[in-house]
Amino acid sequence: GRRIAVRLGDVTVRATLNETPAARALAERLPLALRMCASTVGCCGALPFSLPADPALVHRGWTDGDLNYNPSGGWLAIFFDDERNSMRYGDQLTIGRVDGPLEVLRALDGRLDVLLSLEAGQTD
């Protein structure tokens, strides 16, 4: 998948997008600036456009480190905690994963200016 950089305030993490149609559509729209809100389980923000959501790929819950799209709400979320209780949340479409440790994300707080961009030097 495509490697991306996600800058959340002063923190930058790397992530790898998967091969779902939603992930490919997101990659085509990068770079993308968003406002996200950090909570105890993740960072979440509304996308200014919709991504294609194959109903067969939509599921409940997440794994810590997942980059998920919420088709009905149009939200993009980076989850870093509470995997064990996440099955109560439906409408999740996983489009990628954070590479590396999640501790830096757990320190984030409040509203964040976020920039998603493709890592340099990637060709199709």
PDB file of N, CA and C in Angstrom:
ATOM      1  N   GLY A   1       0.822  -1.215   0.000  1.00  0.00           N
ATOM      2  CA  GLY A   1       0.000   0.000   0.000  1.00  0.00           C
ATOM      3  C   GLY A   1       0.848   1.253   0.000  1.00  0.00           C
ATOM      4  N   ARG A   2       0.179   2.377  -0.163  1.00  0.00           N
ATOM      5  CA  ARG A   2       0.854   3.673  -0.179  1.00  0.00           C
ATOM      6  C   ARG A   2       1.253   4.080   1.218  1.00  0.00           C
ATOM      7  N   ARG A   3       2.460   4.576   1.386  1.00  0.00           N
ATOM      8  CA  ARG A   3       2.891   5.102   2.674  1.00  0.00           C
ATOM      9  C   ARG A   3       2.561   6.586   2.747  1.00  0.00           C
ATOM     10  N   ILE A   4       2.004   6.995   3.883  1.00  0.00           N
ATOM     11  CA  ILE A   4       1.661   8.401   4.060  1.00  0.00           C
ATOM     12  C   ILE A   4       2.267   8.911   5.359  1.00  0.00           C
ATOM     13  N   ALA A   5       2.412  10.232   5.420  1.00  0.00           N
ATOM     14  CA  ALA A   5       2.806  10.912   6.654  1.00  0.00           C
ATOM     15  C   ALA A   5       1.570  11.620   7.187  1.00  0.00           C
ATOM     16  N   VAL A   6       1.349  11.506   8.490  1.00  0.00           N
ATOM     17  CA  VAL A   6       0.222  12.164   9.134  1.00  0.00           C
ATOM     18  C   VAL A   6       0.780  13.077  10.214  1.00  0.00           C
ATOM     19  N   ARG A   7       0.641  14.388   9.990  1.00  0.00           N
ATOM     20  CA  ARG A   7       1.122  15.357  10.981  1.00  0.00           C
ATOM     21  C   ARG A   7      -0.066  15.828  11.804  1.00  0.00           C
ATOM     22  N   LEU A   8      -0.017  15.553  13.104  1.00  0.00           N
ATOM     23  CA  LEU A   8      -1.086  15.946  14.026  1.00  0.00           C
ATOM     24  C   LEU A   8      -0.493  16.954  14.993  1.00  0.00           C
ATOM     25  N   GLY A   9      -0.779  18.228  14.769  1.00  0.00           N
ATOM     26  CA  GLY A   9      -0.135  19.255  15.584  1.00  0.00           C
ATOM     27  C   GLY A   9       1.366  19.173  15.393  1.00  0.00           C
ATOM     28  N   ASP A  10       2.105  18.917  16.484  1.00  0.00           N
ATOM     29  CA  ASP A  10       3.574  18.860  16.416  1.00  0.00           C
ATOM     30  C   ASP A  10       4.098  17.444  16.219  1.00  0.00           C
ATOM     31  N   VAL A  11       3.200  16.490  16.127  1.00  0.00           N
ATOM     32  CA  VAL A  11       3.592  15.078  16.067  1.00  0.00           C
ATOM     33  C   VAL A  11       3.365  14.543  14.652  1.00  0.00           C
ATOM     34  N   THR A  12       4.351  13.821  14.122  1.00  0.00           N
ATOM     35  CA  THR A  12       4.171  13.196  12.813  1.00  0.00           C
ATOM     36  C   THR A  12       4.336  11.689  12.952  1.00  0.00           C
ATOM     37  N   VAL A  13       3.369  10.940  12.412  1.00  0.00           N
ATOM     38  CA  VAL A  13       3.483   9.485  12.353  1.00  0.00           C
ATOM     39  C   VAL A  13       3.393   9.054  10.898  1.00  0.00           C
ATOM     40  N   ARG A  14       3.927   7.871  10.632  1.00  0.00           N
ATOM     41  CA  ARG A  14       3.818   7.282   9.307  1.00  0.00           C
ATOM     42  C   ARG A  14       2.710   6.237   9.331  1.00  0.00           C
ATOM     43  N   ALA A  15       2.039   6.081   8.214  1.00  0.00           N
ATOM     44  CA  ALA A  15       1.009   5.054   8.113  1.00  0.00           C
ATOM     45  C   ALA A  15       1.074   4.449   6.717  1.00  0.00           C
ATOM     46  N   THR A  16       0.532   3.261   6.588  1.00  0.00           N
ATOM     47  CA  THR A  16       0.465   2.588   5.294  1.00  0.00           C
ATOM     48  C   THR A  16      -0.993   2.366   4.949  1.00  0.00           C
ATOM     49  N   LEU A  17      -1.400   2.892   3.800  1.00  0.00           N
ATOM     50  CA  LEU A  17      -2.774   2.683   3.333  1.00  0.00           C
ATOM     51  C   LEU A  17      -2.896   1.288   2.750  1.00  0.00           C
ATOM     52  N   ASN A  18      -4.073   0.674   2.891  1.00  0.00           N
ATOM     53  CA  ASN A  18      -4.294  -0.635   2.281  1.00  0.00           C
ATOM     54  C   ASN A  18      -4.810  -0.479   0.850  1.00  0.00           C
ATOM     55  N   GLU A  19      -5.247  -1.567   0.259  1.00  0.00           N
ATOM     56  CA  GLU A  19      -5.625  -1.535  -1.165  1.00  0.00           C
ATOM     57  C   GLU A  19      -7.128  -1.412  -1.374  1.00  0.00           C
ATOM     58  N   THR A  20      -7.875  -1.010  -0.332  1.00  0.00           N
ATOM     59  CA  THR A  20      -9.318  -0.842  -0.515  1.00  0.00           C
ATOM     60  C   THR A  20      -9.593   0.338  -1.446  1.00  0.00           C
ATOM     61  N   PRO A  21     -10.755   0.329  -2.123  1.00  0.00           N
ATOM     62  CA  PRO A  21     -11.120   1.486  -2.956  1.00  0.00           C
ATOM     63  C   PRO A  21     -11.129   2.792  -2.157  1.00  0.00           C
ATOM     64  N   ALA A  22     -11.549   2.730  -0.894  1.00  0.00           N
ATOM     65  CA  ALA A  22     -11.581   3.945  -0.068  1.00  0.00           C
ATOM     66  C   ALA A  22     -10.174   4.485   0.153  1.00  0.00           C
ATOM     67  N   ALA A  23      -9.222   3.591   0.440  1.00  0.00           N
ATOM     68  CA  ALA A  23      -7.840   4.028   0.673  1.00  0.00           C
ATOM     69  C   ALA A  23      -7.233   4.608  -0.595  1.00  0.00           C
ATOM     70  N   ARG A  24      -7.516   3.979  -1.725  1.00  0.00           N
ATOM     71  CA  ARG A  24      -6.978   4.492  -2.994  1.00  0.00           C
ATOM     72  C   ARG A  24      -7.564   5.863  -3.313  1.00  0.00           C
ATOM     73  N   ALA A  25      -8.858   6.038  -3.035  1.00  0.00           N
ATOM     74  CA  ALA A  25      -9.509   7.329  -3.291  1.00  0.00           C
ATOM     75  C   ALA A  25      -8.924   8.407  -2.388  1.00  0.00           C
ATOM     76  N   LEU A  26      -8.626   8.052  -1.127  1.00  0.00           N
ATOM     77  CA  LEU A  26      -8.028   9.027  -0.222  1.00  0.00           C
ATOM     78  C   LEU A  26      -6.642   9.429  -0.721  1.00  0.00           C
ATOM     79  N   ALA A  27      -5.847   8.452  -1.150  1.00  0.00           N
ATOM     80  CA  ALA A  27      -4.488   8.733  -1.625  1.00  0.00           C
ATOM     81  C   ALA A  27      -4.502   9.727  -2.780  1.00  0.00           C
ATOM     82  N   GLU A  28      -5.528   9.624  -3.633  1.00  0.00           N
ATOM     83  CA  GLU A  28      -5.617  10.524  -4.788  1.00  0.00           C
ATOM     84  C   GLU A  28      -5.919  11.960  -4.377  1.00  0.00           C
ATOM     85  N   ARG A  29      -6.444  12.162  -3.159  1.00  0.00           N
ATOM     86  CA  ARG A  29      -6.810  13.508  -2.710  1.00  0.00           C
ATOM     87  C   ARG A  29      -5.734  14.142  -1.832  1.00  0.00           C
ATOM     88  N   LEU A  30      -4.624  13.437  -1.616  1.00  0.00           N
ATOM     89  CA  LEU A  30      -3.571  13.991  -0.764  1.00  0.00           C
ATOM     90  C   LEU A  30      -2.681  14.946  -1.558  1.00  0.00           C
ATOM     91  N   PRO A  31      -2.094  15.964  -0.926  1.00  0.00           N
ATOM     92  CA  PRO A  31      -2.155  16.263   0.506  1.00  0.00           C
ATOM     93  C   PRO A  31      -3.513  16.830   0.921  1.00  0.00           C
ATOM     94  N   LEU A  32      -3.853  16.605   2.181  1.00  0.00           N
ATOM     95  CA  LEU A  32      -5.158  16.981   2.709  1.00  0.00           C
ATOM     96  C   LEU A  32      -4.997  17.536   4.113  1.00  0.00           C
ATOM     97  N   ALA A  33      -5.534  18.743   4.327  1.00  0.00           N
ATOM     98  CA  ALA A  33      -5.531  19.341   5.662  1.00  0.00           C
ATOM     99  C   ALA A  33      -6.897  19.132   6.299  1.00  0.00           C
ATOM    100  N   LEU A  34      -6.899  18.722   7.555  1.00  0.00           N
ATOM    101  CA  LEU A  34      -8.129  18.450   8.293  1.00  0.00           C
ATOM    102  C   LEU A  34      -8.028  19.035   9.689  1.00  0.00           C
ATOM    103  N   ARG A  35      -9.188  19.249  10.319  1.00  0.00           N
ATOM    104  CA  ARG A  35      -9.216  19.491  11.759  1.00  0.00           C
ATOM    105  C   ARG A  35      -9.626  18.178  12.409  1.00  0.00           C
ATOM    106  N   MET A  36      -8.877  17.750  13.392  1.00  0.00           N
ATOM    107  CA  MET A  36      -9.239  16.533  14.109  1.00  0.00           C
ATOM    108  C   MET A  36      -9.312  16.836  15.598  1.00  0.00           C
ATOM    109  N   CYS A  37     -10.036  15.988  16.301  1.00  0.00           N
ATOM    110  CA  CYS A  37     -10.168  16.104  17.744  1.00  0.00           C
ATOM    111  C   CYS A  37      -9.591  14.845  18.372  1.00  0.00           C
ATOM    112  N   ALA A  38      -8.709  15.012  19.348  1.00  0.00           N
ATOM    113  CA  ALA A  38      -8.124  13.860  20.030  1.00  0.00           C
ATOM    114  C   ALA A  38      -8.997  13.475  21.214  1.00  0.00           C
ATOM    115  N   SER A  39      -9.247  12.183  21.359  1.00  0.00           N
ATOM    116  CA  SER A  39      -9.976  11.660  22.509  1.00  0.00           C
ATOM    117  C   SER A  39      -9.085  10.630  23.189  1.00  0.00           C
ATOM    118  N   THR A  40      -9.634   9.894  24.140  1.00  0.00           N
ATOM    119  CA  THR A  40      -8.836   8.884  24.821  1.00  0.00           C
ATOM    120  C   THR A  40      -8.618   7.647  23.956  1.00  0.00           C
ATOM    121  N   VAL A  41      -9.394   7.499  22.867  1.00  0.00           N
ATOM    122  CA  VAL A  41      -9.249   6.301  22.028  1.00  0.00           C
ATOM    123  C   VAL A  41      -8.642   6.596  20.665  1.00  0.00           C
ATOM    124  N   GLY A  42      -8.697   7.855  20.222  1.00  0.00           N
ATOM    125  CA  GLY A  42      -8.184   8.148  18.894  1.00  0.00           C
ATOM    126  C   GLY A  42      -8.329   9.612  18.536  1.00  0.00           C
ATOM    127  N   CYS A  43      -7.960   9.914  17.287  1.00  0.00           N
ATOM    128  CA  CYS A  43      -8.142  11.245  16.719  1.00  0.00           C
ATOM    129  C   CYS A  43      -9.132  11.114  15.576  1.00  0.00           C
ATOM    130  N   CYS A  44     -10.089  12.012  15.531  1.00  0.00           N
ATOM    131  CA  CYS A  44     -11.189  11.871  14.585  1.00  0.00           C
ATOM    132  C   CYS A  44     -11.508  13.217  13.957  1.00  0.00           C
ATOM    133  N   GLY A  45     -11.809  13.205  12.658  1.00  0.00           N
ATOM    134  CA  GLY A  45     -12.179  14.442  11.986  1.00  0.00           C
ATOM    135  C   GLY A  45     -13.041  14.171  10.770  1.00  0.00           C
ATOM    136  N   ALA A  46     -13.874  15.152  10.411  1.00  0.00           N
ATOM    137  CA  ALA A  46     -14.772  14.997   9.264  1.00  0.00           C
ATOM    138  C   ALA A  46     -14.006  15.242   7.970  1.00  0.00           C
ATOM    139  N   LEU A  47     -14.174  14.337   7.014  1.00  0.00           N
ATOM    140  CA  LEU A  47     -13.581  14.534   5.687  1.00  0.00           C
ATOM    141  C   LEU A  47     -14.470  15.481   4.882  1.00  0.00           C
ATOM    142  N   PRO A  48     -13.856  16.314   4.029  1.00  0.00           N
ATOM    143  CA  PRO A  48     -14.645  17.234   3.195  1.00  0.00           C
ATOM    144  C   PRO A  48     -15.219  16.559   1.952  1.00  0.00           C
ATOM    145  N   PHE A  49     -15.040  15.264   1.813  1.00  0.00           N
ATOM    146  CA  PHE A  49     -15.564  14.520   0.663  1.00  0.00           C
ATOM    147  C   PHE A  49     -15.841  13.092   1.117  1.00  0.00           C
ATOM    148  N   SER A  50     -16.614  12.352   0.311  1.00  0.00           N
ATOM    149  CA  SER A  50     -16.912  10.961   0.640  1.00  0.00           C
ATOM    150  C   SER A  50     -15.912  10.030  -0.024  1.00  0.00           C
ATOM    151  N   LEU A  51     -15.694   8.889   0.606  1.00  0.00           N
ATOM    152  CA  LEU A  51     -14.873   7.831   0.020  1.00  0.00           C
ATOM    153  C   LEU A  51     -15.784   6.665  -0.346  1.00  0.00           C
ATOM    154  N   PRO A  52     -15.432   5.892  -1.372  1.00  0.00           N
ATOM    155  CA  PRO A  52     -16.255   4.740  -1.743  1.00  0.00           C
ATOM    156  C   PRO A  52     -16.234   3.691  -0.630  1.00  0.00           C
ATOM    157  N   ALA A  53     -17.398   3.279  -0.180  1.00  0.00           N
ATOM    158  CA  ALA A  53     -17.483   2.328   0.931  1.00  0.00           C
ATOM    159  C   ALA A  53     -18.195   1.063   0.467  1.00  0.00           C
ATOM    160  N   ASP A  54     -17.432   0.020   0.215  1.00  0.00           N
ATOM    161  CA  ASP A  54     -17.994  -1.270  -0.141  1.00  0.00           C
ATOM    162  C   ASP A  54     -18.605  -1.867   1.126  1.00  0.00           C
ATOM    163  N   PRO A  55     -19.933  -2.118   1.134  1.00  0.00           N
ATOM    164  CA  PRO A  55     -20.573  -2.637   2.357  1.00  0.00           C
ATOM    165  C   PRO A  55     -19.922  -3.914   2.873  1.00  0.00           C
ATOM    166  N   ALA A  56     -19.326  -4.698   1.987  1.00  0.00           N
ATOM    167  CA  ALA A  56     -18.691  -5.948   2.408  1.00  0.00           C
ATOM    168  C   ALA A  56     -17.449  -5.687   3.265  1.00  0.00           C
ATOM    169  N   LEU A  57     -16.889  -4.489   3.202  1.00  0.00           N
ATOM    170  CA  LEU A  57     -15.675  -4.159   3.945  1.00  0.00           C
ATOM    171  C   LEU A  57     -15.968  -3.428   5.252  1.00  0.00           C
ATOM    172  N   VAL A  58     -17.230  -3.043   5.454  1.00  0.00           N
ATOM    173  CA  VAL A  58     -17.595  -2.297   6.655  1.00  0.00           C
ATOM    174  C   VAL A  58     -17.813  -3.281   7.807  1.00  0.00           C
ATOM    175  N   HIS A  59     -17.258  -2.972   8.966  1.00  0.00           N
ATOM    176  CA  HIS A  59     -17.268  -3.926  10.074  1.00  0.00           C
ATOM    177  C   HIS A  59     -17.404  -3.180  11.391  1.00  0.00           C
ATOM    178  N   ARG A  60     -17.415  -3.930  12.481  1.00  0.00           N
ATOM    179  CA  ARG A  60     -17.456  -3.346  13.814  1.00  0.00           C
ATOM    180  C   ARG A  60     -16.057  -3.319  14.417  1.00  0.00           C
ATOM    181  N   GLY A  61     -15.784  -2.252  15.186  1.00  0.00           N
ATOM    182  CA  GLY A  61     -14.571  -2.217  15.986  1.00  0.00           C
ATOM    183  C   GLY A  61     -13.305  -1.870  15.220  1.00  0.00           C
ATOM    184  N   TRP A  62     -12.204  -1.905  15.976  1.00  0.00           N
ATOM    185  CA  TRP A  62     -10.901  -1.578  15.394  1.00  0.00           C
ATOM    186  C   TRP A  62      -9.792  -2.290  16.154  1.00  0.00           C
ATOM    187  N   THR A  63      -8.630  -2.297  15.542  1.00  0.00           N
ATOM    188  CA  THR A  63      -7.397  -2.715  16.185  1.00  0.00           C
ATOM    189  C   THR A  63      -6.593  -1.448  16.462  1.00  0.00           C
ATOM    190  N   ASP A  64      -5.999  -1.349  17.647  1.00  0.00           N
ATOM    191  CA  ASP A  64      -5.197  -0.150  17.946  1.00  0.00           C
ATOM    192  C   ASP A  64      -4.183   0.070  16.833  1.00  0.00           C
ATOM    193  N   GLY A  65      -4.145   1.286  16.299  1.00  0.00           N
ATOM    194  CA  GLY A  65      -3.264   1.606  15.185  1.00  0.00           C
ATOM    195  C   GLY A  65      -3.993   1.702  13.856  1.00  0.00           C
ATOM    196  N   ASP A  66      -5.274   1.330  13.837  1.00  0.00           N
ATOM    197  CA  ASP A  66      -6.030   1.381  12.580  1.00  0.00           C
ATOM    198  C   ASP A  66      -6.335   2.821  12.163  1.00  0.00           C
ATOM    199  N   LEU A  67      -6.315   3.028  10.857  1.00  0.00           N
ATOM    200  CA  LEU A  67      -6.816   4.248  10.233  1.00  0.00           C
ATOM    201  C   LEU A  67      -8.144   3.848   9.607  1.00  0.00           C
ATOM    202  N   ASN A  68      -9.245   4.375  10.144  1.00  0.00           N
ATOM    203  CA  ASN A  68     -10.581   3.932   9.715  1.00  0.00           C
ATOM    204  C   ASN A  68     -11.391   5.073   9.137  1.00  0.00           C
ATOM    205  N   TYR A  69     -12.282   4.710   8.237  1.00  0.00           N
ATOM    206  CA  TYR A  69     -13.257   5.630   7.662  1.00  0.00           C
ATOM    207  C   TYR A  69     -14.633   5.198   8.145  1.00  0.00           C
ATOM    208  N   ASN A  70     -15.455   6.181   8.515  1.00  0.00           N
ATOM    209  CA  ASN A  70     -16.819   5.918   8.962  1.00  0.00           C
ATOM    210  C   ASN A  70     -17.755   6.407   7.862  1.00  0.00           C
ATOM    211  N   PRO A  71     -18.293   5.475   7.053  1.00  0.00           N
ATOM    212  CA  PRO A  71     -19.030   5.889   5.854  1.00  0.00           C
ATOM    213  C   PRO A  71     -20.262   6.745   6.138  1.00  0.00           C
ATOM    214  N   SER A  72     -21.062   6.414   7.150  1.00  0.00           N
ATOM    215  CA  SER A  72     -22.294   7.167   7.344  1.00  0.00           C
ATOM    216  C   SER A  72     -22.031   8.566   7.891  1.00  0.00           C
ATOM    217  N   GLY A  73     -20.989   8.688   8.705  1.00  0.00           N
ATOM    218  CA  GLY A  73     -20.688  10.004   9.269  1.00  0.00           C
ATOM    219  C   GLY A  73     -19.690  10.807   8.463  1.00  0.00           C
ATOM    220  N   GLY A  74     -18.945  10.126   7.581  1.00  0.00           N
ATOM    221  CA  GLY A  74     -17.931  10.814   6.788  1.00  0.00           C
ATOM    222  C   GLY A  74     -16.697  11.188   7.592  1.00  0.00           C
ATOM    223  N   TRP A  75     -16.418  10.396   8.638  1.00  0.00           N
ATOM    224  CA  TRP A  75     -15.292  10.694   9.520  1.00  0.00           C
ATOM    225  C   TRP A  75     -14.075   9.851   9.170  1.00  0.00           C
ATOM    226  N   LEU A  76     -12.915  10.427   9.408  1.00  0.00           N
ATOM    227  CA  LEU A  76     -11.654   9.702   9.341  1.00  0.00           C
ATOM    228  C   LEU A  76     -11.119   9.634  10.766  1.00  0.00           C
ATOM    229  N   ALA A  77     -10.680   8.449  11.195  1.00  0.00           N
ATOM    230  CA  ALA A  77     -10.194   8.294  12.570  1.00  0.00           C
ATOM    231  C   ALA A  77      -8.910   7.487  12.593  1.00  0.00           C
ATOM    232  N   ILE A  78      -8.024   7.879  13.495  1.00  0.00           N
ATOM    233  CA  ILE A  78      -6.816   7.113  13.785  1.00  0.00           C
ATOM    234  C   ILE A  78      -6.980   6.608  15.213  1.00  0.00           C
ATOM    235  N   PHE A  79      -7.138   5.314  15.359  1.00  0.00           N
ATOM    236  CA  PHE A  79      -7.392   4.746  16.681  1.00  0.00           C
ATOM    237  C   PHE A  79      -6.086   4.277  17.319  1.00  0.00           C
ATOM    238  N   PHE A  80      -5.912   4.613  18.602  1.00  0.00           N
ATOM    239  CA  PHE A  80      -4.701   4.187  19.292  1.00  0.00           C
ATOM    240  C   PHE A  80      -4.992   3.503  20.613  1.00  0.00           C
ATOM    241  N   ASP A  81      -6.268   3.339  20.974  1.00  0.00           N
ATOM    242  CA  ASP A  81      -6.545   2.702  22.255  1.00  0.00           C
ATOM    243  C   ASP A  81      -7.961   2.130  22.283  1.00  0.00           C
ATOM    244  N   ASP A  82      -8.229   1.329  23.308  1.00  0.00           N
ATOM    245  CA  ASP A  82      -9.546   0.760  23.611  1.00  0.00           C
ATOM    246  C   ASP A  82     -10.021  -0.260  22.593  1.00  0.00           C
ATOM    247  N   GLU A  83      -9.068  -0.896  21.929  1.00  0.00           N
ATOM    248  CA  GLU A  83      -9.393  -1.972  20.996  1.00  0.00           C
ATOM    249  C   GLU A  83     -10.345  -2.994  21.642  1.00  0.00           C
ATOM    250  N   ARG A  84     -10.123  -3.299  22.925  1.00  0.00           N
ATOM    251  CA  ARG A  84     -10.896  -4.369  23.567  1.00  0.00           C
ATOM    252  C   ARG A  84     -12.381  -4.032  23.701  1.00  0.00           C
ATOM    253  N   ASN A  85     -12.723  -2.741  23.716  1.00  0.00           N
ATOM    254  CA  ASN A  85     -14.125  -2.341  23.845  1.00  0.00           C
ATOM    255  C   ASN A  85     -14.707  -1.804  22.543  1.00  0.00           C
ATOM    256  N   SER A  86     -13.964  -1.920  21.453  1.00  0.00           N
ATOM    257  CA  SER A  86     -14.351  -1.201  20.236  1.00  0.00           C
ATOM    258  C   SER A  86     -15.477  -1.878  19.452  1.00  0.00           C
ATOM    259  N   MET A  87     -15.803  -3.132  19.776  1.00  0.00           N
ATOM    260  CA  MET A  87     -16.830  -3.818  18.992  1.00  0.00           C
ATOM    261  C   MET A  87     -18.209  -3.179  19.143  1.00  0.00           C
ATOM    262  N   ARG A  88     -18.377  -2.309  20.136  1.00  0.00           N
ATOM    263  CA  ARG A  88     -19.671  -1.632  20.277  1.00  0.00           C
ATOM    264  C   ARG A  88     -19.868  -0.575  19.181  1.00  0.00           C
ATOM    265  N   TYR A  89     -18.776  -0.226  18.485  1.00  0.00           N
ATOM    266  CA  TYR A  89     -18.860   0.791  17.436  1.00  0.00           C
ATOM    267  C   TYR A  89     -18.905   0.132  16.066  1.00  0.00           C
ATOM    268  N   GLY A  90     -19.994   0.368  15.357  1.00  0.00           N
ATOM    269  CA  GLY A  90     -20.114  -0.171  14.006  1.00  0.00           C
ATOM    270  C   GLY A  90     -19.672   0.835  12.963  1.00  0.00           C
ATOM    271  N   ASP A  91     -19.939   0.512  11.698  1.00  0.00           N
ATOM    272  CA  ASP A  91     -19.713   1.430  10.580  1.00  0.00           C
ATOM    273  C   ASP A  91     -18.240   1.811  10.459  1.00  0.00           C
ATOM    274  N   GLN A  92     -17.353   0.827  10.568  1.00  0.00           N
ATOM    275  CA  GLN A  92     -15.915   1.051  10.466  1.00  0.00           C
ATOM    276  C   GLN A  92     -15.388   0.412   9.179  1.00  0.00           C
ATOM    277  N   LEU A  93     -14.624   1.183   8.425  1.00  0.00           N
ATOM    278  CA  LEU A  93     -13.977   0.660   7.226  1.00  0.00           C
ATOM    279  C   LEU A  93     -12.485   0.959   7.377  1.00  0.00           C
ATOM    280  N   THR A  94     -11.691  -0.071   7.561  1.00  0.00           N
ATOM    281  CA  THR A  94     -10.256   0.126   7.793  1.00  0.00           C
ATOM    282  C   THR A  94      -9.551   0.421   6.473  1.00  0.00           C
ATOM    283  N   ILE A  95      -8.825   1.543   6.432  1.00  0.00           N
ATOM    284  CA  ILE A  95      -8.141   1.932   5.194  1.00  0.00           C
ATOM    285  C   ILE A  95      -6.624   1.967   5.351  1.00  0.00           C
ATOM    286  N   GLY A  96      -6.128   1.707   6.559  1.00  0.00           N
ATOM    287  CA  GLY A  96      -4.680   1.704   6.729  1.00  0.00           C
ATOM    288  C   GLY A  96      -4.301   1.462   8.173  1.00  0.00           C
ATOM    289  N   ARG A  97      -2.980   1.482   8.415  1.00  0.00           N
ATOM    290  CA  ARG A  97      -2.451   1.273   9.766  1.00  0.00           C
ATOM    291  C   ARG A  97      -1.275   2.201  10.027  1.00  0.00           C
ATOM    292  N   VAL A  98      -1.185   2.659  11.270  1.00  0.00           N
ATOM    293  CA  VAL A  98      -0.029   3.446  11.695  1.00  0.00           C
ATOM    294  C   VAL A  98       1.179   2.512  11.791  1.00  0.00           C
ATOM    295  N   ASP A  99       2.318   2.964  11.288  1.00  0.00           N
ATOM    296  CA  ASP A  99       3.569   2.213  11.391  1.00  0.00           C
ATOM    297  C   ASP A  99       4.297   2.687  12.643  1.00  0.00           C
ATOM    298  N   GLY A 100       4.639   1.763  13.514  1.00  0.00           N
ATOM    299  CA  GLY A 100       5.440   2.146  14.674  1.00  0.00           C
ATOM    300  C   GLY A 100       4.603   2.363  15.924  1.00  0.00           C
ATOM    301  N   PRO A 101       5.266   2.796  17.001  1.00  0.00           N
ATOM    302  CA  PRO A 101       4.615   2.890  18.307  1.00  0.00           C
ATOM    303  C   PRO A 101       3.517   3.950  18.336  1.00  0.00           C
ATOM    304  N   LEU A 102       2.512   3.706  19.179  1.00  0.00           N
ATOM    305  CA  LEU A 102       1.344   4.584  19.256  1.00  0.00           C
ATOM    306  C   LEU A 102       1.430   5.559  20.432  1.00  0.00           C
ATOM    307  N   GLU A 103       2.465   5.426  21.270  1.00  0.00           N
ATOM    308  CA  GLU A 103       2.547   6.253  22.485  1.00  0.00           C
ATOM    309  C   GLU A 103       2.479   7.739  22.166  1.00  0.00           C
ATOM    310  N   VAL A 104       3.120   8.166  21.072  1.00  0.00           N
ATOM    311  CA  VAL A 104       3.142   9.597  20.766  1.00  0.00           C
ATOM    312  C   VAL A 104       1.728  10.090  20.485  1.00  0.00           C
ATOM    313  N   LEU A 105       0.882   9.230  19.931  1.00  0.00           N
ATOM    314  CA  LEU A 105      -0.501   9.637  19.652  1.00  0.00           C
ATOM    315  C   LEU A 105      -1.302   9.761  20.945  1.00  0.00           C
ATOM    316  N   ARG A 106      -1.005   8.900  21.909  1.00  0.00           N
ATOM    317  CA  ARG A 106      -1.780   8.909  23.156  1.00  0.00           C
ATOM    318  C   ARG A 106      -1.567  10.186  23.954  1.00  0.00           C
ATOM    319  N   ALA A 107      -0.501  10.928  23.646  1.00  0.00           N
ATOM    320  CA  ALA A 107      -0.223  12.182  24.361  1.00  0.00           C
ATOM    321  C   ALA A 107      -0.969  13.368  23.751  1.00  0.00           C
ATOM    322  N   LEU A 108      -1.612  13.182  22.608  1.00  0.00           N
ATOM    323  CA  LEU A 108      -2.303  14.286  21.936  1.00  0.00           C
ATOM    324  C   LEU A 108      -3.563  14.657  22.703  1.00  0.00           C
ATOM    325  N   ASP A 109      -3.950  15.927  22.575  1.00  0.00           N
ATOM    326  CA  ASP A 109      -5.111  16.396  23.328  1.00  0.00           C
ATOM    327  C   ASP A 109      -5.808  17.512  22.566  1.00  0.00           C
ATOM    328  N   GLY A 110      -7.131  17.517  22.629  1.00  0.00           N
ATOM    329  CA  GLY A 110      -7.899  18.633  22.099  1.00  0.00           C
ATOM    330  C   GLY A 110      -7.966  18.662  20.578  1.00  0.00           C
ATOM    331  N   ARG A 111      -8.167  19.874  20.053  1.00  0.00           N
ATOM    332  CA  ARG A 111      -8.319  20.055  18.607  1.00  0.00           C
ATOM    333  C   ARG A 111      -6.953  20.178  17.940  1.00  0.00           C
ATOM    334  N   LEU A 112      -6.812  19.531  16.788  1.00  0.00           N
ATOM    335  CA  LEU A 112      -5.519  19.480  16.118  1.00  0.00           C
ATOM    336  C   LEU A 112      -5.661  19.841  14.649  1.00  0.00           C
ATOM    337  N   ASP A 113      -4.672  20.571  14.152  1.00  0.00           N
ATOM    338  CA  ASP A 113      -4.556  20.756  12.705  1.00  0.00           C
ATOM    339  C   ASP A 113      -3.756  19.586  12.175  1.00  0.00           C
ATOM    340  N   VAL A 114      -4.341  18.876  11.218  1.00  0.00           N
ATOM    341  CA  VAL A 114      -3.761  17.630  10.720  1.00  0.00           C
ATOM    342  C   VAL A 114      -3.470  17.767   9.236  1.00  0.00           C
ATOM    343  N   LEU A 115      -2.319  17.241   8.822  1.00  0.00           N
ATOM    344  CA  LEU A 115      -1.981  17.209   7.401  1.00  0.00           C
ATOM    345  C   LEU A 115      -1.610  15.787   7.017  1.00  0.00           C
ATOM    346  N   LEU A 116      -2.322  15.242   6.046  1.00  0.00           N
ATOM    347  CA  LEU A 116      -2.004  13.925   5.502  1.00  0.00           C
ATOM    348  C   LEU A 116      -1.343  14.133   4.154  1.00  0.00           C
ATOM    349  N   SER A 117      -0.209  13.487   3.949  1.00  0.00           N
ATOM    350  CA  SER A 117       0.494  13.638   2.675  1.00  0.00           C
ATOM    351  C   SER A 117       1.164  12.322   2.291  1.00  0.00           C
ATOM    352  N   LEU A 118       1.337  12.114   1.005  1.00  0.00           N
ATOM    353  CA  LEU A 118       2.048  10.943   0.532  1.00  0.00           C
ATOM    354  C   LEU A 118       3.516  11.072   0.864  1.00  0.00           C
ATOM    355  N   GLU A 119       4.140   9.976   1.281  1.00  0.00           N
ATOM    356  CA  GLU A 119       5.582   9.990   1.491  1.00  0.00           C
ATOM    357  C   GLU A 119       6.263  10.263   0.161  1.00  0.00           C
ATOM    358  N   ALA A 120       7.361  11.010   0.219  1.00  0.00           N
ATOM    359  CA  ALA A 120       8.084  11.364  -1.007  1.00  0.00           C
ATOM    360  C   ALA A 120       8.670  10.122  -1.670  1.00  0.00           C
ATOM    361  N   GLY A 121       8.820  10.197  -2.968  1.00  0.00           N
ATOM    362  CA  GLY A 121       9.559   9.170  -3.694  1.00  0.00           C
ATOM    363  C   GLY A 121       8.777   7.922  -4.018  1.00  0.00           C
ATOM    364  N   GLN A 122       7.457   7.990  -3.909  1.00  0.00           N
ATOM    365  CA  GLN A 122       6.664   6.806  -4.250  1.00  0.00           C
ATOM    366  C   GLN A 122       6.123   6.936  -5.660  1.00  0.00           C
ATOM    367  N   THR A 123       6.226   5.884  -6.394  1.00  0.00           N
ATOM    368  CA  THR A 123       5.661   5.884  -7.738  1.00  0.00           C
ATOM    369  C   THR A 123       4.716   4.707  -7.863  1.00  0.00           C
ATOM    370  N   ASP A 124       3.739   4.847  -8.728  1.00  0.00           N
ATOM    371  CA  ASP A 124       2.783   3.760  -8.939  1.00  0.00           C
ATOM    372  C   ASP A 124       3.359   2.762  -9.921  1.00  0.00           C
TER     373      ASP A 124
END
